[in-house]
Protein backbone atom coordinates (compact mmCIF):
# COMPACT_ATOMS: atom_id res chain seq x y z
CA MET A 1 141.61 192.88 -53.32
CA ILE A 2 141.82 192.56 -49.55
CA LYS A 3 143.32 196.05 -49.33
CA VAL A 4 140.43 197.42 -51.41
CA LEU A 5 137.89 195.79 -49.21
CA THR A 6 139.62 197.01 -46.09
CA ALA A 7 139.70 200.59 -47.44
CA VAL A 8 135.88 200.37 -48.30
CA LEU A 9 135.04 199.09 -44.83
CA MET A 10 137.09 201.76 -43.11
CA ALA A 11 135.40 204.43 -45.27
CA ILE A 12 131.89 203.11 -44.35
CA LEU A 13 132.82 203.04 -40.67
CA THR A 14 134.17 206.58 -40.77
CA VAL A 15 130.96 207.80 -42.41
CA LEU A 16 128.81 205.96 -39.84
CA LEU A 17 130.97 207.38 -36.99
CA GLY A 18 130.51 210.94 -38.44
CA ILE A 19 126.73 210.47 -38.73
CA GLY A 20 126.62 209.23 -35.09
CA MET A 21 128.61 212.18 -33.80
CA GLU A 22 126.56 214.65 -35.73
CA TRP A 23 123.30 213.10 -34.49
CA ALA A 24 124.49 213.29 -30.88
CA LEU A 25 125.56 216.90 -31.20
CA LEU A 26 122.33 217.99 -32.79
CA THR A 27 119.87 215.97 -30.66
CA GLY A 28 121.66 215.28 -27.43
CA SER A 29 120.92 211.57 -27.88
CA THR A 30 122.48 208.53 -29.63
CA PRO A 31 120.99 206.52 -32.43
CA GLN A 32 120.78 203.61 -29.87
CA GLN A 33 118.58 205.75 -27.63
CA VAL A 34 116.39 206.65 -30.65
CA TYR A 35 116.05 202.98 -31.40
CA GLN A 36 115.07 202.19 -27.80
CA ALA A 37 112.49 205.02 -27.90
CA SER A 38 110.94 203.45 -31.02
CA LEU A 39 110.27 200.19 -29.29
CA PRO A 40 106.65 199.51 -28.11
CA PRO A 41 106.15 200.42 -24.52
CA THR A 42 106.25 197.71 -21.82
CA PRO A 43 102.99 197.48 -19.96
CA LEU A 44 103.28 199.41 -16.67
CA PRO A 45 101.91 198.42 -13.31
CA VAL A 46 99.38 200.80 -11.76
CA MET A 47 100.98 202.78 -8.94
CA GLY A 48 97.67 204.25 -7.73
CA VAL A 49 95.36 207.04 -8.69
CA LEU A 50 96.29 210.52 -9.76
CA PRO A 51 93.94 213.39 -8.78
CA THR A 52 92.60 214.85 -12.00
CA ASP A 53 94.27 218.24 -11.48
CA PHE A 54 97.66 217.05 -10.16
CA GLN A 55 100.46 218.51 -12.15
CA THR A 56 102.90 215.83 -13.25
CA GLY A 57 105.87 217.87 -14.39
CA VAL A 58 109.45 217.82 -15.60
CA ILE A 59 111.67 220.96 -15.93
CA PHE A 60 113.47 221.33 -19.24
CA PRO A 61 115.75 224.39 -19.24
CA GLN A 62 117.37 225.80 -22.37
CA TRP A 63 119.94 228.53 -22.51
CA GLY A 64 120.54 231.20 -25.09
CA VAL A 65 118.44 233.75 -27.05
CA GLU A 66 117.10 230.95 -29.32
CA GLY A 67 116.95 228.34 -26.57
CA TYR A 68 113.26 227.39 -26.99
CA SER A 69 112.94 228.35 -30.64
CA ASP A 70 112.11 226.18 -33.55
CA SER A 71 115.73 226.32 -34.62
CA ASN A 72 116.86 224.41 -31.50
CA HIS A 73 116.34 220.77 -32.44
CA THR A 74 117.65 219.65 -29.13
CA PHE A 75 114.64 221.20 -27.42
CA SER A 76 112.09 219.65 -29.80
CA PHE A 77 113.78 216.18 -29.58
CA GLY A 78 113.92 216.48 -25.79
CA LEU A 79 110.24 217.10 -25.54
CA GLY A 80 109.69 213.74 -27.32
CA GLU A 81 112.06 212.01 -24.92
CA ILE A 82 110.28 213.45 -21.88
CA LYS A 83 106.88 212.31 -23.09
CA GLN A 84 108.14 208.78 -24.01
CA GLN A 85 110.26 208.24 -20.93
CA THR A 86 108.18 209.83 -18.22
CA ALA A 87 104.54 210.38 -19.56
CA ALA A 88 104.72 213.87 -17.95
CA ALA A 89 101.70 216.08 -18.63
CA TRP A 90 103.45 219.32 -17.77
CA VAL A 91 106.78 220.86 -18.77
CA GLU A 92 108.39 223.77 -17.01
CA LEU A 93 110.38 226.21 -19.14
CA PRO A 94 112.69 228.60 -17.14
CA ILE A 95 113.65 232.09 -18.21
CA THR A 96 116.97 233.35 -17.00
CA LEU A 97 116.98 237.00 -16.02
CA TYR A 98 120.00 238.90 -14.81
CA GLN A 99 120.71 241.82 -12.50
CA LYS A 100 124.25 243.38 -12.43
CA GLY A 101 124.56 243.85 -8.69
CA PHE A 102 122.51 243.58 -5.46
CA ARG A 103 122.08 247.35 -5.33
CA ASP A 104 120.84 247.72 -8.91
CA THR A 105 117.25 248.22 -9.62
CA SER A 106 117.31 247.31 -13.38
CA LEU A 107 117.32 243.85 -14.95
CA SER A 108 118.70 243.03 -18.30
CA PRO A 109 118.94 239.99 -20.61
CA SER A 110 122.26 238.07 -20.95
CA PRO A 111 123.49 235.87 -23.73
CA GLN A 112 121.81 233.01 -21.81
CA THR A 113 118.35 234.61 -21.67
CA ALA A 114 115.74 233.25 -24.02
CA SER A 115 113.94 235.93 -26.01
CA PRO A 116 110.11 236.32 -25.64
CA GLU A 117 109.84 235.15 -29.30
CA SER A 118 111.78 232.00 -28.33
CA ILE A 119 109.56 231.39 -25.40
CA ALA A 120 106.50 231.77 -27.56
CA GLN A 121 107.84 229.17 -29.99
CA GLY A 122 108.77 226.89 -27.08
CA ILE A 123 105.22 227.05 -25.75
CA ARG A 124 103.85 226.24 -29.12
CA ALA A 125 106.15 223.28 -29.54
CA ALA A 126 105.39 222.00 -26.06
CA HIS A 127 101.61 222.16 -26.76
CA GLN A 128 102.00 220.36 -30.06
CA ALA A 129 103.91 217.68 -28.14
CA GLY A 130 100.94 217.26 -25.76
CA PHE A 131 102.23 219.17 -22.71
CA LYS A 132 100.72 221.86 -20.47
CA VAL A 133 103.27 224.70 -19.93
CA PHE A 134 104.59 226.34 -16.79
CA ILE A 135 106.85 229.46 -17.38
CA VAL A 136 109.20 230.31 -14.52
CA PRO A 137 111.69 233.21 -14.22
CA PHE A 138 115.11 232.48 -12.67
CA LEU A 139 116.99 235.63 -11.54
CA THR A 140 120.80 235.70 -11.10
CA VAL A 141 122.73 238.55 -9.69
CA GLY A 142 126.15 239.12 -11.12
CA ALA A 143 127.86 235.94 -12.15
CA THR A 144 126.52 233.50 -9.58
CA GLY A 145 124.64 235.61 -7.00
CA TRP A 146 121.35 234.12 -5.61
CA ALA A 147 118.24 236.25 -6.07
CA GLY A 148 117.21 235.33 -2.44
CA ASP A 149 119.99 237.66 -1.17
CA ILE A 150 118.49 240.82 -2.76
CA HIS A 151 117.48 243.06 0.14
CA PRO A 152 114.98 245.89 -0.25
CA LEU A 153 117.12 248.99 0.65
CA ASN A 154 114.46 251.64 1.08
CA PRO A 155 111.02 252.64 -0.40
CA LYS A 156 112.53 254.47 -3.37
CA TRP A 157 114.81 251.52 -4.27
CA THR A 158 112.01 249.00 -3.75
CA THR A 159 109.57 250.97 -5.97
CA ALA A 160 112.06 251.24 -8.73
CA TRP A 161 113.01 247.52 -8.49
CA PHE A 162 109.40 246.31 -8.66
CA ASP A 163 108.61 248.65 -11.59
CA ASN A 164 111.62 247.47 -13.54
CA TYR A 165 111.01 243.85 -12.64
CA PHE A 166 107.43 243.95 -14.07
CA ALA A 167 108.75 245.70 -17.21
CA SER A 168 111.20 242.72 -17.65
CA LEU A 169 108.45 240.18 -17.09
CA ARG A 170 105.75 241.84 -19.23
CA PRO A 171 107.02 240.67 -22.67
CA TYR A 172 107.11 237.05 -21.46
CA LEU A 173 103.68 237.40 -19.82
CA LEU A 174 102.36 238.61 -23.23
CA ALA A 175 104.08 235.71 -25.06
CA ALA A 176 102.48 233.30 -22.52
CA GLU A 177 99.11 234.90 -23.07
CA SER A 178 99.36 234.87 -26.87
CA GLU A 179 100.31 231.18 -26.86
CA HIS A 180 97.95 230.17 -24.05
CA ALA A 181 100.55 228.86 -21.61
CA GLU A 182 98.69 227.44 -18.75
CA GLN A 183 100.82 228.69 -15.75
CA PHE A 184 103.28 231.50 -15.03
CA ALA A 185 105.34 232.11 -11.87
CA LEU A 186 106.05 235.74 -10.87
CA GLY A 187 109.32 234.91 -9.24
CA THR A 188 111.57 232.21 -7.86
CA GLU A 189 113.19 232.27 -4.41
CA TYR A 190 113.28 236.02 -3.76
CA GLU A 191 113.54 235.28 -0.06
CA TYR A 192 114.34 238.88 1.35
CA LEU A 193 112.26 240.62 -1.22
CA GLU A 194 109.25 238.65 0.08
CA TYR A 195 109.43 240.89 3.09
CA ALA A 196 108.76 244.01 1.05
CA ALA A 197 105.39 245.73 1.91
CA PRO A 198 102.48 243.68 0.63
CA SER A 199 101.46 246.64 -1.59
CA TYR A 200 104.44 246.09 -3.88
CA TRP A 201 103.59 242.37 -4.44
CA ASN A 202 99.88 242.96 -4.69
CA THR A 203 100.50 245.58 -7.41
CA LEU A 204 102.81 243.16 -9.31
CA ILE A 205 100.19 240.44 -9.12
CA ALA A 206 97.48 242.78 -10.38
CA GLN A 207 99.65 244.08 -13.21
CA ALA A 208 100.49 240.50 -14.31
CA HIS A 209 96.83 239.51 -14.07
CA ASP A 210 95.91 242.45 -16.38
CA VAL A 211 98.00 241.02 -19.26
CA TYR A 212 97.94 237.28 -18.62
CA SER A 213 94.73 235.30 -18.00
CA GLY A 214 96.34 231.99 -17.07
CA THR A 215 97.16 230.61 -13.60
CA LEU A 216 99.61 232.75 -11.57
CA THR A 217 101.94 231.42 -8.88
CA TYR A 218 104.91 232.57 -6.90
CA ASP A 219 107.67 230.10 -6.08
CA MET A 220 109.43 230.47 -2.69
CA ASN A 221 112.52 228.70 -1.55
CA TRP A 222 112.27 225.80 1.00
CA THR A 223 114.07 227.87 3.60
CA ALA A 224 111.48 230.64 3.36
CA ALA A 225 108.67 228.11 3.53
CA LEU A 226 110.01 226.92 6.88
CA LYS A 227 109.87 230.44 8.38
CA ARG A 228 106.74 232.47 7.88
CA THR A 229 104.19 233.49 5.37
CA HIS A 230 103.39 236.90 4.08
CA ALA A 231 100.00 238.52 3.62
CA TRP A 232 100.32 238.99 -0.09
CA GLU A 233 100.90 235.21 -0.62
CA SER A 234 97.24 234.70 0.24
CA ASN A 235 96.25 237.01 -2.69
CA PRO A 236 93.41 235.09 -4.39
CA LEU A 237 94.87 235.92 -7.80
CA LEU A 238 97.71 233.43 -6.91
CA SER A 239 96.20 230.04 -7.42
CA TYR A 240 99.10 228.25 -5.81
CA ILE A 241 102.29 228.90 -3.95
CA GLY A 242 105.28 227.05 -5.32
CA VAL A 243 108.17 225.74 -3.31
CA SER A 244 111.66 224.92 -4.54
CA GLU A 245 112.15 221.84 -2.39
CA TYR A 246 115.81 221.03 -1.67
CA ARG A 247 115.70 220.40 2.06
CA PRO A 248 118.31 217.89 2.97
CA LEU A 249 116.97 214.45 4.02
CA THR A 250 120.21 213.50 5.79
CA THR A 251 122.74 215.31 7.90
CA ARG A 252 125.76 213.58 6.33
CA PRO A 253 126.57 212.55 2.74
CA ALA A 254 125.62 208.87 3.04
CA PRO A 255 122.80 206.90 1.36
CA ARG A 256 119.79 205.62 3.29
CA ASP A 257 117.93 202.37 2.93
CA ALA A 258 115.22 202.72 0.28
CA SER A 259 112.45 201.45 2.52
CA SER A 260 113.05 204.31 5.00
CA LEU A 261 112.93 207.19 2.45
CA PRO A 262 109.16 207.75 2.20
CA THR A 263 108.82 208.12 5.94
CA LEU A 264 111.89 210.35 6.11
CA TRP A 265 110.51 212.57 3.30
CA ARG A 266 107.17 212.80 5.05
CA TYR A 267 108.72 214.10 8.35
CA ARG A 268 111.33 216.26 6.81
CA VAL A 269 109.23 217.78 4.01
CA ARG A 270 105.59 216.86 3.70
CA ASP A 271 104.51 217.88 7.15
CA TYR A 272 105.72 221.55 6.73
CA LEU A 273 104.36 221.71 3.17
CA ASP A 274 100.89 220.67 4.51
CA ALA A 275 101.14 223.34 7.22
CA LEU A 276 102.10 225.93 4.70
CA ALA A 277 99.10 225.22 2.37
CA ILE A 278 96.71 225.22 5.33
CA GLU A 279 98.00 228.54 6.60
CA LEU A 280 97.75 230.14 3.14
CA GLY A 281 94.42 228.55 2.34
CA LYS A 282 95.58 227.25 -1.03
CA PRO A 283 97.45 224.25 -2.33
CA VAL A 284 101.24 224.21 -2.86
CA ILE A 285 103.16 222.86 -5.79
CA LEU A 286 106.74 221.58 -5.76
CA SER A 287 107.79 223.99 -8.51
CA GLU A 288 111.28 222.51 -8.38
CA VAL A 289 112.61 219.37 -6.73
CA GLY A 290 115.65 217.38 -7.75
CA PHE A 291 118.24 214.90 -6.70
CA ARG A 292 121.65 214.26 -8.10
CA ASN A 293 122.70 210.93 -9.52
CA GLY A 294 125.13 210.29 -6.66
CA SER A 295 125.58 208.52 -3.35
CA ASP A 296 125.14 211.86 -1.58
CA ALA A 297 121.88 212.80 -3.27
CA LEU A 298 120.07 213.26 -0.05
CA TYR A 299 122.59 215.61 1.51
CA GLN A 300 122.67 219.19 0.30
CA PRO A 301 120.64 218.38 -2.73
CA TRP A 302 120.87 221.94 -4.13
CA VAL A 303 124.63 221.49 -4.81
CA TRP A 304 125.19 221.11 -8.51
CA GLN A 305 128.49 219.21 -8.43
CA SER A 306 129.84 216.50 -6.17
CA SER A 307 132.78 214.11 -6.07
CA ALA A 308 130.54 211.31 -4.82
CA PRO A 309 130.29 208.19 -7.00
CA ALA A 310 127.20 207.89 -9.17
CA ASP A 311 124.12 206.17 -7.59
CA PRO A 312 121.24 206.20 -10.07
CA GLN A 313 119.28 203.82 -7.85
CA LEU A 314 119.40 206.21 -4.97
CA GLN A 315 118.21 209.01 -7.26
CA ALA A 316 115.31 206.78 -8.26
CA ASP A 317 114.43 205.98 -4.66
CA ALA A 318 114.37 209.65 -3.83
CA TYR A 319 111.99 210.29 -6.70
CA GLN A 320 109.84 207.44 -5.35
CA ALA A 321 109.79 208.94 -1.84
CA THR A 322 108.73 212.26 -3.25
CA LEU A 323 105.90 210.91 -5.34
CA VAL A 324 104.61 208.56 -2.58
CA ASN A 325 104.23 211.62 -0.36
CA THR A 326 102.82 214.13 -2.86
CA VAL A 327 100.52 212.48 -5.34
CA ASN A 328 97.73 211.75 -2.94
CA ASP A 329 98.24 214.75 -0.57
CA PRO A 330 95.19 217.15 -0.93
CA ASN A 331 97.45 220.05 0.04
CA ILE A 332 99.91 219.50 -2.84
CA ALA A 333 98.80 220.20 -6.43
CA GLY A 334 101.84 219.06 -8.46
CA VAL A 335 105.51 218.37 -8.72
CA PHE A 336 108.16 219.42 -11.24
CA PHE A 337 111.52 217.52 -11.31
CA TRP A 338 114.81 219.25 -12.06
CA GLY A 339 115.98 218.91 -14.66
CA TRP A 340 115.91 217.12 -17.95
CA SER A 341 119.27 216.96 -19.62
CA VAL A 342 120.86 218.79 -16.78
CA PRO A 343 124.19 217.14 -15.81
CA THR A 344 124.22 215.34 -12.42
CA PHE A 345 120.49 215.83 -11.97
CA GLN A 346 119.18 214.50 -15.24
CA PRO A 347 116.93 211.37 -15.03
CA ASN A 348 117.21 210.71 -18.78
CA TRP A 349 117.51 207.01 -19.49
CA LEU A 350 118.08 206.28 -15.77
CA PRO A 351 115.91 204.41 -13.22
CA ALA A 352 114.51 207.82 -12.05
CA SER A 353 112.74 208.27 -15.41
CA ARG A 354 111.25 204.92 -14.96
CA VAL A 355 109.82 205.91 -11.54
CA LEU A 356 108.25 209.01 -13.25
CA LEU A 357 106.75 206.80 -15.94
CA LEU A 358 105.19 204.54 -13.39
CA TRP A 359 103.50 207.27 -11.49
CA TYR A 360 102.72 209.72 -14.25
CA SER A 361 101.02 206.87 -16.33
CA SER A 362 98.59 206.17 -13.47
CA PRO A 363 94.84 206.73 -14.24
CA ARG A 364 93.29 209.98 -13.16
CA ASP A 365 90.43 210.19 -10.63
CA THR A 366 87.92 212.90 -11.45
CA HIS A 367 86.44 212.94 -7.93
CA SER A 368 89.53 214.13 -6.05
CA THR A 369 89.53 217.43 -4.26
CA ARG A 370 92.12 219.58 -2.48
CA LEU A 371 92.56 221.39 0.80
CA GLY A 372 90.35 219.44 3.14
CA GLY A 373 88.67 217.28 0.57
CA SER A 374 89.14 213.62 0.07
CA VAL A 375 91.54 211.93 -2.23
CA PRO A 376 91.46 208.18 -2.84
CA THR A 377 94.47 206.59 -1.14
CA ALA A 378 96.77 204.87 -3.47
CA PRO A 379 98.23 201.49 -2.56
CA ALA A 380 101.55 201.88 -0.84
CA ALA A 381 104.23 201.69 -3.39
CA THR A 382 106.90 199.07 -2.87
CA ALA A 383 110.24 200.59 -2.33
CA THR A 384 112.56 200.22 -5.34
CA PRO A 385 115.20 197.55 -4.42
CA ARG A 386 118.71 198.80 -4.46
CA GLY A 387 121.07 197.04 -6.82
């Protein structure tokens, strides 16, 4: 009898283990996390006041032709997690484009590139989950080349590149238009291409505006934002200029006391973002900002992998410093954190997501204005204590 009971118990445990593993593979989460997500929310303290138009965003990249499609249950489940854990009002969906070499003028999809149909389904799913949607192209050259290193070679090459680039963007602009995506970036971190004659960029902006009626942006790298602006960036058809914000906050891979981070972020980052917005005559958005879950999170934050030990509290403190400096700045119109379910950067189920929830749940103030207007000052947020 004991042997029979033991065999039955082992069979039940095996089935439960199999169900748990299948759940994790399909959803990217565990049944325990699903249970936690079903619990009633804990009342949150009010961090301050959000301007009515401030974009509270999270970036949720998916890879593959069907990455954002209805068949990808990880994406639909993740949207629910983002809403429950962060209260984000916006979700950014990257599109991965590819160029074979730096001298090539043509772009082509890769196995990692979501199809326009997949993007359309993803926009629809995000809207149904209560998000506004920001579509952003990421361009990779070869296996790992950074698009910021693409140099315009000559007028013939540059004309061909911009023509082919718009041809690659157009199906996604049409998908964004058909599904009413709220915002679309025309590029990300094309640092040397930004020096091309303004006519190339103004033509691209006009072509995009002809097929897409939503908000248009262009997202520069933080290194470019520190240098100089270009005439085409003031084009009135670009509502914002985005910045991929990964400027190091420290000169060595060591943590800083949490109480000093807001001031450090202000002097290292916010001051030059304010100057950029004023020079362009339009607000900026942090189209991408992220911090690793590691003790070196403030040093070379663009690096994907590090041997430093995990430090989720430092990651949360860096999120806090970012939001303290951006939410009530009339020159900054929004912030998008990289990246949900992205290893080493992900805030999922970590203190960083709690920081987002605290800020993103704040009430909206309908009287706030930008670029020279007044924004009610939020109470200074208490620095998150380090454990």
